[in-house]
Amino acid sequence: MSISTNGAGVEGVRVADMAADLGHASAAYRLEITCGRDDGFMVRINRGEAGIADAVQYEVASATIRGNALTSYSGMQTTNASKFWFR
């Protein structure tokens, strides 16, 4: 899994963590991308993945990317189904 913007790889201390969180092949993802100023944008990652006994585990993370730099990444945090589905 690699992360890039405008054809260039994103760099930063937590890029490997973000790539690993986006690399679950059995998960369903919903991405919310908010464009900002100064060549930056924010990504909210919503992930749902079947776990033990098919119970779905929902997680969410947020990242800020400026140019080709990942300036912040929260890591995945537990959430619930109502936060996963867009309303």
Protein backbone atom coordinates (compact mmCIF):
# COMPACT_ATOMS: atom_id res chain seq x y z
CA MET A 1 0.00 0.00 0.00
CA SER A 2 1.36 3.41 -0.91
CA ILE A 3 -0.11 6.88 -0.48
CA SER A 4 0.44 9.59 -3.08
CA THR A 5 -0.98 12.96 -4.12
CA ASN A 6 -0.63 14.37 -7.62
CA GLY A 7 1.56 11.41 -8.57
CA ALA A 8 4.13 11.96 -5.81
CA GLY A 9 4.56 9.85 -2.71
CA VAL A 10 3.39 11.34 0.57
CA GLU A 11 6.13 11.62 3.21
CA GLY A 12 6.00 11.83 6.97
CA VAL A 13 6.63 9.99 10.20
CA ARG A 14 3.18 8.32 10.29
CA VAL A 15 2.80 7.43 6.57
CA ALA A 16 3.52 3.74 7.24
CA ASP A 17 0.85 3.70 9.98
CA MET A 18 -1.71 5.30 7.67
CA ALA A 19 -0.85 2.92 4.81
CA ALA A 20 -1.21 -0.08 7.13
CA ASP A 21 -4.60 1.19 8.33
CA LEU A 22 -5.74 1.54 4.70
CA GLY A 23 -4.39 -1.88 3.72
CA HIS A 24 -7.05 -4.16 5.21
CA ALA A 25 -8.27 -5.95 2.08
CA SER A 26 -11.39 -7.32 3.78
CA ALA A 27 -12.55 -3.94 5.08
CA ALA A 28 -15.03 -1.47 3.62
CA TYR A 29 -13.79 2.11 3.57
CA ARG A 30 -15.51 5.48 3.24
CA LEU A 31 -13.23 8.47 2.76
CA GLU A 32 -14.27 12.06 3.36
CA ILE A 33 -11.88 14.57 1.80
CA THR A 34 -12.10 18.24 2.69
CA CYS A 35 -10.04 20.60 0.57
CA GLY A 36 -8.43 23.50 2.34
CA ARG A 37 -6.13 26.35 1.59
CA ASP A 38 -2.40 26.40 1.06
CA ASP A 39 -2.11 23.15 -0.92
CA GLY A 40 -3.57 21.09 1.91
CA PHE A 41 -6.53 18.87 2.62
CA MET A 42 -7.99 16.74 5.38
CA VAL A 43 -8.97 13.08 5.02
CA ARG A 44 -11.35 11.30 7.36
CA ILE A 45 -11.06 7.53 7.02
CA ASN A 46 -14.06 5.43 8.05
CA ARG A 47 -13.45 1.67 8.14
CA GLY A 48 -15.83 -1.22 8.78
CA GLU A 49 -14.48 -4.74 9.00
CA ALA A 50 -16.08 -8.05 9.97
CA GLY A 51 -14.48 -9.54 13.03
CA ILE A 52 -15.18 -12.52 15.23
CA ALA A 53 -18.61 -14.10 14.58
CA ASP A 54 -19.11 -11.57 11.75
CA ALA A 55 -19.55 -8.67 14.20
CA VAL A 56 -18.52 -5.54 12.33
CA GLN A 57 -15.86 -3.39 13.95
CA TYR A 58 -16.05 0.29 13.02
CA GLU A 59 -13.05 2.60 13.22
CA VAL A 60 -12.27 6.16 12.18
CA ALA A 61 -9.08 8.19 11.68
CA SER A 62 -8.19 11.62 10.38
CA ALA A 63 -5.17 12.91 8.51
CA THR A 64 -3.95 16.26 7.24
CA ILE A 65 -1.81 16.42 4.12
CA ARG A 66 -0.05 19.57 2.91
CA GLY A 67 1.66 19.27 -0.45
CA ASN A 68 3.29 15.85 -0.23
CA ALA A 69 3.68 15.86 3.56
CA LEU A 70 1.48 14.02 6.05
CA THR A 71 1.44 16.62 8.80
CA SER A 72 -0.90 14.80 11.20
CA TYR A 73 -2.49 11.39 11.56
CA SER A 74 -4.68 10.31 14.46
CA GLY A 75 -4.50 6.56 13.94
CA MET A 76 -7.62 4.40 13.96
CA GLN A 77 -10.04 4.82 16.85
CA THR A 78 -13.13 2.78 17.67
CA THR A 79 -16.46 4.25 16.57
CA ASN A 80 -19.96 2.92 15.84
CA ALA A 81 -22.12 2.16 12.81
CA SER A 82 -24.00 5.45 12.90
CA LYS A 83 -20.72 7.37 12.49
CA PHE A 84 -19.59 5.05 9.66
CA TRP A 85 -22.61 5.46 7.40
CA PHE A 86 -23.03 8.78 5.63
CA ARG A 87 -26.31 10.46 6.47
